[in-house]
Amino acid sequence: MEAENHYITRSGWLRAAVLGANDGILSTTSLAIGVAAASVSREPILLAATAGLVAGALSMAAGEYVSVSSQADVETADLTREKEELKNMPESELEELTHIYMKRGLNSELAKQVAVELTAHNALETHARDELGINEITQANPLMAAFASAVSFVIGGLLPLLVAIFAPIKEMVLYEYGFSILFLAFSGMLAAKAGGSHTLKAVLRICVWGTFVMAASALVGYIFGVHTA
């Protein structure tokens, strides 16, 4: 029998990649739209989009690394404390594990038997999984998360940058919005497929919020464009 492939195994890198791609598309597009709404030349638009692309990718990587590293530090501290408790209070920890299994539906006798056997097999691993909710599948790698965020942000941000290079200046805002909605819809579809979630729901969610963000950026550009004209 083949082993089942569960989507939760992808949660660490998938979250970072999807967040990075969507942020790359939205951030770069919003900058391009805001500047395009206030400018009559291409150079400021390209400068803003390029600067946003570079700064955004580095910021996403740093933020994701710090966030995941902090989570890993907390998990490590919890595991260290749990290891000490198992060493100093084994009976209390066994009782705690028994109650956990009883809350999950086992009778007291079976819960105690399961707790004893799993403790004998690997006490720390058992408590990490069933008491703390920590396991190898859900633990994220800081470097992998940072790399996924940066690369996906660059990929997402390059798309609206290309539109800024080739689209007509007069219709730049409309071109940026139209293509970015397509990019976001495609990104949402890929994320839903990779994560096994509902495709239409994921696409609608990102497109609605994306429209709101880009509309706000265009409004700012038009307001300041009028004042600086």
C-alpha atoms as a PDB file:
ATOM      1  CA  MET A   1       0.000   0.000   0.000  1.00  0.00           C
ATOM      2  CA  GLU A   2       1.307   3.429  -0.939  1.00  0.00           C
ATOM      3  CA  ALA A   3       1.827   5.999   1.785  1.00  0.00           C
ATOM      4  CA  GLU A   4      -0.720   8.817   1.764  1.00  0.00           C
ATOM      5  CA  ASN A   5       0.440  12.313   0.870  1.00  0.00           C
ATOM      6  CA  HIS A   6      -0.987  14.807   3.332  1.00  0.00           C
ATOM      7  CA  TYR A   7      -1.066  18.518   2.564  1.00  0.00           C
ATOM      8  CA  ILE A   8      -0.027  19.487   6.117  1.00  0.00           C
ATOM      9  CA  THR A   9       3.512  18.365   5.259  1.00  0.00           C
ATOM     10  CA  ARG A  10       3.733  21.328   2.895  1.00  0.00           C
ATOM     11  CA  SER A  11       2.383  23.919   5.316  1.00  0.00           C
ATOM     12  CA  GLY A  12       5.740  25.448   6.313  1.00  0.00           C
ATOM     13  CA  TRP A  13       7.154  26.311   2.901  1.00  0.00           C
ATOM     14  CA  LEU A  14       3.742  26.668   1.224  1.00  0.00           C
ATOM     15  CA  ARG A  15       2.632  29.407   3.611  1.00  0.00           C
ATOM     16  CA  ALA A  16       5.855  31.357   3.060  1.00  0.00           C
ATOM     17  CA  ALA A  17       5.787  30.900  -0.718  1.00  0.00           C
ATOM     18  CA  VAL A  18       2.142  31.913  -1.146  1.00  0.00           C
ATOM     19  CA  LEU A  19       2.523  34.890   1.169  1.00  0.00           C
ATOM     20  CA  GLY A  20       5.671  35.982  -0.655  1.00  0.00           C
ATOM     21  CA  ALA A  21       4.191  35.679  -4.154  1.00  0.00           C
ATOM     22  CA  ASN A  22       0.971  37.471  -3.295  1.00  0.00           C
ATOM     23  CA  ASP A  23       2.819  40.202  -1.426  1.00  0.00           C
ATOM     24  CA  GLY A  24       5.228  40.591  -4.341  1.00  0.00           C
ATOM     25  CA  ILE A  25       2.388  41.034  -6.793  1.00  0.00           C
ATOM     26  CA  LEU A  26       0.332  43.343  -4.593  1.00  0.00           C
ATOM     27  CA  SER A  27       3.163  45.478  -3.211  1.00  0.00           C
ATOM     28  CA  THR A  28       4.875  46.057  -6.536  1.00  0.00           C
ATOM     29  CA  THR A  29       1.604  46.655  -8.375  1.00  0.00           C
ATOM     30  CA  SER A  30       0.339  49.042  -5.726  1.00  0.00           C
ATOM     31  CA  LEU A  31       3.540  51.079  -5.916  1.00  0.00           C
ATOM     32  CA  ALA A  32       3.395  51.132  -9.706  1.00  0.00           C
ATOM     33  CA  ILE A  33      -0.283  52.117  -9.715  1.00  0.00           C
ATOM     34  CA  GLY A  34       0.168  54.816  -7.096  1.00  0.00           C
ATOM     35  CA  VAL A  35       3.066  56.428  -8.946  1.00  0.00           C
ATOM     36  CA  ALA A  36       1.447  55.947 -12.368  1.00  0.00           C
ATOM     37  CA  ALA A  37      -1.663  57.744 -11.156  1.00  0.00           C
ATOM     38  CA  ALA A  38       0.469  60.746 -10.184  1.00  0.00           C
ATOM     39  CA  SER A  39       3.010  60.690 -13.026  1.00  0.00           C
ATOM     40  CA  VAL A  40       3.087  61.269 -16.774  1.00  0.00           C
ATOM     41  CA  SER A  41       6.417  59.497 -17.422  1.00  0.00           C
ATOM     42  CA  ARG A  42       7.609  55.898 -17.140  1.00  0.00           C
ATOM     43  CA  GLU A  43      10.860  56.421 -15.191  1.00  0.00           C
ATOM     44  CA  PRO A  44       9.312  57.131 -11.746  1.00  0.00           C
ATOM     45  CA  ILE A  45       7.050  54.093 -12.120  1.00  0.00           C
ATOM     46  CA  LEU A  46       9.962  51.787 -12.941  1.00  0.00           C
ATOM     47  CA  LEU A  47      12.063  53.217 -10.123  1.00  0.00           C
ATOM     48  CA  ALA A  48       9.304  52.741  -7.555  1.00  0.00           C
ATOM     49  CA  ALA A  49       8.508  49.215  -8.745  1.00  0.00           C
ATOM     50  CA  THR A  50      12.159  48.131  -8.797  1.00  0.00           C
ATOM     51  CA  ALA A  51      12.928  49.623  -5.386  1.00  0.00           C
ATOM     52  CA  GLY A  52       9.806  48.028  -3.951  1.00  0.00           C
ATOM     53  CA  LEU A  53      10.743  44.677  -5.448  1.00  0.00           C
ATOM     54  CA  VAL A  54      14.239  44.648  -3.936  1.00  0.00           C
ATOM     55  CA  ALA A  55      13.233  46.050  -0.548  1.00  0.00           C
ATOM     56  CA  GLY A  56      10.185  43.809  -0.331  1.00  0.00           C
ATOM     57  CA  ALA A  57      12.077  40.599  -1.086  1.00  0.00           C
ATOM     58  CA  LEU A  58      14.739  41.325   1.521  1.00  0.00           C
ATOM     59  CA  SER A  59      12.153  42.427   4.064  1.00  0.00           C
ATOM     60  CA  MET A  60      10.062  39.312   3.531  1.00  0.00           C
ATOM     61  CA  ALA A  61      13.087  37.051   3.901  1.00  0.00           C
ATOM     62  CA  ALA A  62      14.270  38.762   7.071  1.00  0.00           C
ATOM     63  CA  GLY A  63      10.806  38.866   8.594  1.00  0.00           C
ATOM     64  CA  GLU A  64      10.068  35.240   7.825  1.00  0.00           C
ATOM     65  CA  TYR A  65      13.447  34.113   9.170  1.00  0.00           C
ATOM     66  CA  VAL A  66      12.992  36.022  12.433  1.00  0.00           C
ATOM     67  CA  SER A  67       9.395  34.841  12.835  1.00  0.00           C
ATOM     68  CA  VAL A  68      10.119  31.164  12.222  1.00  0.00           C
ATOM     69  CA  SER A  69      13.312  31.304  14.298  1.00  0.00           C
ATOM     70  CA  SER A  70      11.345  32.775  17.207  1.00  0.00           C
ATOM     71  CA  GLN A  71       8.818  29.959  16.891  1.00  0.00           C
ATOM     72  CA  ALA A  72      11.658  27.423  16.849  1.00  0.00           C
ATOM     73  CA  ASP A  73      13.184  29.016  19.968  1.00  0.00           C
ATOM     74  CA  VAL A  74       9.889  28.716  21.822  1.00  0.00           C
ATOM     75  CA  GLU A  75       9.533  25.076  20.787  1.00  0.00           C
ATOM     76  CA  THR A  76      13.102  24.325  21.868  1.00  0.00           C
ATOM     77  CA  ALA A  77      12.507  25.941  25.266  1.00  0.00           C
ATOM     78  CA  ASP A  78       9.296  23.935  25.729  1.00  0.00           C
ATOM     79  CA  LEU A  79      11.068  20.702  24.821  1.00  0.00           C
ATOM     80  CA  THR A  80      13.901  21.445  27.256  1.00  0.00           C
ATOM     81  CA  ARG A  81      11.403  22.114  30.041  1.00  0.00           C
ATOM     82  CA  GLU A  82       9.463  18.981  29.182  1.00  0.00           C
ATOM     83  CA  LYS A  83      12.648  16.919  29.262  1.00  0.00           C
ATOM     84  CA  GLU A  84      13.391  18.165  32.787  1.00  0.00           C
ATOM     85  CA  GLU A  85       9.851  17.399  33.938  1.00  0.00           C
ATOM     86  CA  LEU A  86      10.085  13.876  32.558  1.00  0.00           C
ATOM     87  CA  LYS A  87      13.312  13.400  34.452  1.00  0.00           C
ATOM     88  CA  ASN A  88      12.115  14.873  37.757  1.00  0.00           C
ATOM     89  CA  MET A  89       8.371  14.051  37.732  1.00  0.00           C
ATOM     90  CA  PRO A  90       7.844  10.938  35.586  1.00  0.00           C
ATOM     91  CA  GLU A  91       4.689   9.794  37.408  1.00  0.00           C
ATOM     92  CA  SER A  92       3.057  13.204  37.138  1.00  0.00           C
ATOM     93  CA  GLU A  93       3.875  13.386  33.433  1.00  0.00           C
ATOM     94  CA  LEU A  94       2.477   9.889  32.891  1.00  0.00           C
ATOM     95  CA  GLU A  95      -0.745  10.922  34.622  1.00  0.00           C
ATOM     96  CA  GLU A  96      -0.928  14.051  32.498  1.00  0.00           C
ATOM     97  CA  LEU A  97      -0.531  12.000  29.328  1.00  0.00           C
ATOM     98  CA  THR A  98      -3.233   9.590  30.496  1.00  0.00           C
ATOM     99  CA  HIS A  99      -5.702  12.451  30.972  1.00  0.00           C
ATOM    100  CA  ILE A 100      -4.909  13.727  27.483  1.00  0.00           C
ATOM    101  CA  TYR A 101      -5.874  10.378  25.960  1.00  0.00           C
ATOM    102  CA  MET A 102      -8.990  10.169  28.122  1.00  0.00           C
ATOM    103  CA  LYS A 103     -10.108  13.559  26.790  1.00  0.00           C
ATOM    104  CA  ARG A 104      -9.678  12.163  23.289  1.00  0.00           C
ATOM    105  CA  GLY A 105     -12.149   9.367  23.962  1.00  0.00           C
ATOM    106  CA  LEU A 106     -10.243   6.467  25.534  1.00  0.00           C
ATOM    107  CA  ASN A 107     -11.426   4.906  28.770  1.00  0.00           C
ATOM    108  CA  SER A 108      -9.137   5.328  31.778  1.00  0.00           C
ATOM    109  CA  GLU A 109      -7.669   1.828  31.606  1.00  0.00           C
ATOM    110  CA  LEU A 110      -6.843   1.972  27.898  1.00  0.00           C
ATOM    111  CA  ALA A 111      -5.601   5.537  28.192  1.00  0.00           C
ATOM    112  CA  LYS A 112      -3.208   4.498  30.947  1.00  0.00           C
ATOM    113  CA  GLN A 113      -1.976   1.537  28.897  1.00  0.00           C
ATOM    114  CA  VAL A 114      -1.369   3.705  25.820  1.00  0.00           C
ATOM    115  CA  ALA A 115       0.414   6.315  27.913  1.00  0.00           C
ATOM    116  CA  VAL A 116       2.688   3.712  29.499  1.00  0.00           C
ATOM    117  CA  GLU A 117       3.602   2.052  26.208  1.00  0.00           C
ATOM    118  CA  LEU A 118       4.246   5.300  24.339  1.00  0.00           C
ATOM    119  CA  THR A 119       6.287   6.637  27.234  1.00  0.00           C
ATOM    120  CA  ALA A 120       8.396   3.495  27.195  1.00  0.00           C
ATOM    121  CA  HIS A 121       8.897   3.890  23.444  1.00  0.00           C
ATOM    122  CA  ASN A 122       9.882   7.581  23.448  1.00  0.00           C
ATOM    123  CA  ALA A 123       8.619   9.738  26.277  1.00  0.00           C
ATOM    124  CA  LEU A 124       9.855  13.106  25.008  1.00  0.00           C
ATOM    125  CA  GLU A 125       8.568  12.572  21.483  1.00  0.00           C
ATOM    126  CA  THR A 126       5.182  11.488  22.836  1.00  0.00           C
ATOM    127  CA  HIS A 127       4.790  14.525  25.099  1.00  0.00           C
ATOM    128  CA  ALA A 128       6.062  16.866  22.392  1.00  0.00           C
ATOM    129  CA  ARG A 129       3.445  15.562  19.967  1.00  0.00           C
ATOM    130  CA  ASP A 130       0.430  14.968  22.212  1.00  0.00           C
ATOM    131  CA  GLU A 131       0.924  17.567  24.949  1.00  0.00           C
ATOM    132  CA  LEU A 132       2.744  20.403  23.166  1.00  0.00           C
ATOM    133  CA  GLY A 133       1.596  19.830  19.578  1.00  0.00           C
ATOM    134  CA  ILE A 134       5.157  19.761  18.235  1.00  0.00           C
ATOM    135  CA  ASN A 135       6.248  17.268  15.586  1.00  0.00           C
ATOM    136  CA  GLU A 136       8.642  17.033  12.658  1.00  0.00           C
ATOM    137  CA  ILE A 137       5.916  17.671  10.075  1.00  0.00           C
ATOM    138  CA  THR A 138       4.697  20.986  11.440  1.00  0.00           C
ATOM    139  CA  GLN A 139       8.115  22.348  12.433  1.00  0.00           C
ATOM    140  CA  ALA A 140       9.205  24.998   9.937  1.00  0.00           C
ATOM    141  CA  ASN A 141      12.793  25.582   8.839  1.00  0.00           C
ATOM    142  CA  PRO A 142      13.799  29.274   9.209  1.00  0.00           C
ATOM    143  CA  LEU A 143      16.202  29.271   6.251  1.00  0.00           C
ATOM    144  CA  MET A 144      13.772  27.426   3.991  1.00  0.00           C
ATOM    145  CA  ALA A 145      10.941  29.779   4.954  1.00  0.00           C
ATOM    146  CA  ALA A 146      13.117  32.858   4.351  1.00  0.00           C
ATOM    147  CA  PHE A 147      14.344  31.572   0.987  1.00  0.00           C
ATOM    148  CA  ALA A 148      10.822  30.632  -0.128  1.00  0.00           C
ATOM    149  CA  SER A 149       9.512  34.063   0.857  1.00  0.00           C
ATOM    150  CA  ALA A 150      12.264  35.990  -0.941  1.00  0.00           C
ATOM    151  CA  VAL A 151      12.182  33.948  -4.143  1.00  0.00           C
ATOM    152  CA  SER A 152       8.393  33.922  -4.366  1.00  0.00           C
ATOM    153  CA  PHE A 153       8.251  37.683  -3.691  1.00  0.00           C
ATOM    154  CA  VAL A 154      10.704  38.310  -6.538  1.00  0.00           C
ATOM    155  CA  ILE A 155       8.726  36.046  -8.887  1.00  0.00           C
ATOM    156  CA  GLY A 156       5.486  37.772  -7.952  1.00  0.00           C
ATOM    157  CA  GLY A 157       6.996  41.260  -8.136  1.00  0.00           C
ATOM    158  CA  LEU A 158       8.623  40.728 -11.524  1.00  0.00           C
ATOM    159  CA  LEU A 159       5.228  40.314 -13.171  1.00  0.00           C
ATOM    160  CA  PRO A 160       3.892  43.846 -12.490  1.00  0.00           C
ATOM    161  CA  LEU A 161       7.390  45.236 -13.159  1.00  0.00           C
ATOM    162  CA  LEU A 162       7.258  43.780 -16.668  1.00  0.00           C
ATOM    163  CA  VAL A 163       3.850  45.389 -17.143  1.00  0.00           C
ATOM    164  CA  ALA A 164       5.341  48.718 -16.045  1.00  0.00           C
ATOM    165  CA  ILE A 165       8.081  48.333 -18.668  1.00  0.00           C
ATOM    166  CA  PHE A 166       5.859  47.515 -21.636  1.00  0.00           C
ATOM    167  CA  ALA A 167       2.361  48.890 -20.946  1.00  0.00           C
ATOM    168  CA  PRO A 168       1.273  52.245 -22.419  1.00  0.00           C
ATOM    169  CA  ILE A 169       1.760  55.139 -20.004  1.00  0.00           C
ATOM    170  CA  LYS A 170      -1.743  56.544 -20.432  1.00  0.00           C
ATOM    171  CA  GLU A 171      -3.417  53.223 -19.562  1.00  0.00           C
ATOM    172  CA  MET A 172      -0.769  52.083 -17.068  1.00  0.00           C
ATOM    173  CA  VAL A 173      -3.128  51.955 -14.087  1.00  0.00           C
ATOM    174  CA  LEU A 174      -5.667  49.802 -15.943  1.00  0.00           C
ATOM    175  CA  TYR A 175      -2.996  47.493 -17.360  1.00  0.00           C
ATOM    176  CA  GLU A 176      -1.374  47.044 -13.950  1.00  0.00           C
ATOM    177  CA  TYR A 177      -4.692  46.292 -12.290  1.00  0.00           C
ATOM    178  CA  GLY A 178      -5.913  43.915 -15.003  1.00  0.00           C
ATOM    179  CA  PHE A 179      -2.753  41.846 -15.233  1.00  0.00           C
ATOM    180  CA  SER A 180      -2.251  41.796 -11.458  1.00  0.00           C
ATOM    181  CA  ILE A 181      -5.741  40.427 -10.901  1.00  0.00           C
ATOM    182  CA  LEU A 182      -4.893  37.646 -13.356  1.00  0.00           C
ATOM    183  CA  PHE A 183      -1.578  37.025 -11.560  1.00  0.00           C
ATOM    184  CA  LEU A 184      -3.308  36.940  -8.171  1.00  0.00           C
ATOM    185  CA  ALA A 185      -6.005  34.587  -9.430  1.00  0.00           C
ATOM    186  CA  PHE A 186      -3.362  32.240 -10.824  1.00  0.00           C
ATOM    187  CA  SER A 187      -1.396  32.412  -7.566  1.00  0.00           C
ATOM    188  CA  GLY A 188      -4.519  31.661  -5.537  1.00  0.00           C
ATOM    189  CA  MET A 189      -5.350  28.737  -7.796  1.00  0.00           C
ATOM    190  CA  LEU A 190      -1.853  27.242  -7.456  1.00  0.00           C
ATOM    191  CA  ALA A 191      -1.926  27.682  -3.680  1.00  0.00           C
ATOM    192  CA  ALA A 192      -5.320  26.005  -3.438  1.00  0.00           C
ATOM    193  CA  LYS A 193      -4.197  23.087  -5.608  1.00  0.00           C
ATOM    194  CA  ALA A 194      -0.965  22.619  -3.651  1.00  0.00           C
ATOM    195  CA  GLY A 195      -2.737  22.883  -0.314  1.00  0.00           C
ATOM    196  CA  GLY A 196      -5.801  20.848  -1.258  1.00  0.00           C
ATOM    197  CA  SER A 197      -8.244  23.659  -0.441  1.00  0.00           C
ATOM    198  CA  HIS A 198     -11.221  25.144  -2.310  1.00  0.00           C
ATOM    199  CA  THR A 199      -9.960  26.835  -5.496  1.00  0.00           C
ATOM    200  CA  LEU A 200     -12.765  29.342  -6.130  1.00  0.00           C
ATOM    201  CA  LYS A 201     -12.784  30.500  -2.524  1.00  0.00           C
ATOM    202  CA  ALA A 202      -9.021  31.074  -2.531  1.00  0.00           C
ATOM    203  CA  VAL A 203      -9.123  32.975  -5.840  1.00  0.00           C
ATOM    204  CA  LEU A 204     -12.032  35.203  -4.821  1.00  0.00           C
ATOM    205  CA  ARG A 205     -10.450  35.996  -1.467  1.00  0.00           C
ATOM    206  CA  ILE A 206      -7.155  37.208  -2.890  1.00  0.00           C
ATOM    207  CA  CYS A 207      -8.748  39.052  -5.822  1.00  0.00           C
ATOM    208  CA  VAL A 208     -11.220  40.971  -3.644  1.00  0.00           C
ATOM    209  CA  TRP A 209      -8.573  42.083  -1.178  1.00  0.00           C
ATOM    210  CA  GLY A 210      -6.146  42.796  -4.011  1.00  0.00           C
ATOM    211  CA  THR A 211      -8.674  45.065  -5.690  1.00  0.00           C
ATOM    212  CA  PHE A 212      -9.184  46.989  -2.462  1.00  0.00           C
ATOM    213  CA  VAL A 213      -5.445  47.490  -1.948  1.00  0.00           C
ATOM    214  CA  MET A 214      -4.773  48.610  -5.519  1.00  0.00           C
ATOM    215  CA  ALA A 215      -7.791  50.933  -5.541  1.00  0.00           C
ATOM    216  CA  ALA A 216      -6.517  52.616  -2.376  1.00  0.00           C
ATOM    217  CA  SER A 217      -3.059  53.061  -3.932  1.00  0.00           C
ATOM    218  CA  ALA A 218      -4.559  54.554  -7.105  1.00  0.00           C
ATOM    219  CA  LEU A 219      -6.655  56.955  -5.036  1.00  0.00           C
ATOM    220  CA  VAL A 220      -3.576  58.194  -3.183  1.00  0.00           C
ATOM    221  CA  GLY A 221      -1.757  58.666  -6.482  1.00  0.00           C
ATOM    222  CA  TYR A 222      -4.616  60.605  -8.049  1.00  0.00           C
ATOM    223  CA  ILE A 223      -4.990  62.859  -5.003  1.00  0.00           C
ATOM    224  CA  PHE A 224      -1.304  63.748  -4.818  1.00  0.00           C
ATOM    225  CA  GLY A 225      -1.087  63.886  -8.593  1.00  0.00           C
ATOM    226  CA  VAL A 226      -3.720  66.587  -8.678  1.00  0.00           C
ATOM    227  CA  HIS A 227      -1.913  68.620  -6.017  1.00  0.00           C
ATOM    228  CA  THR A 228       1.493  68.295  -7.684  1.00  0.00           C
ATOM    229  CA  ALA A 229       0.332  68.952 -11.226  1.00  0.00           C
END
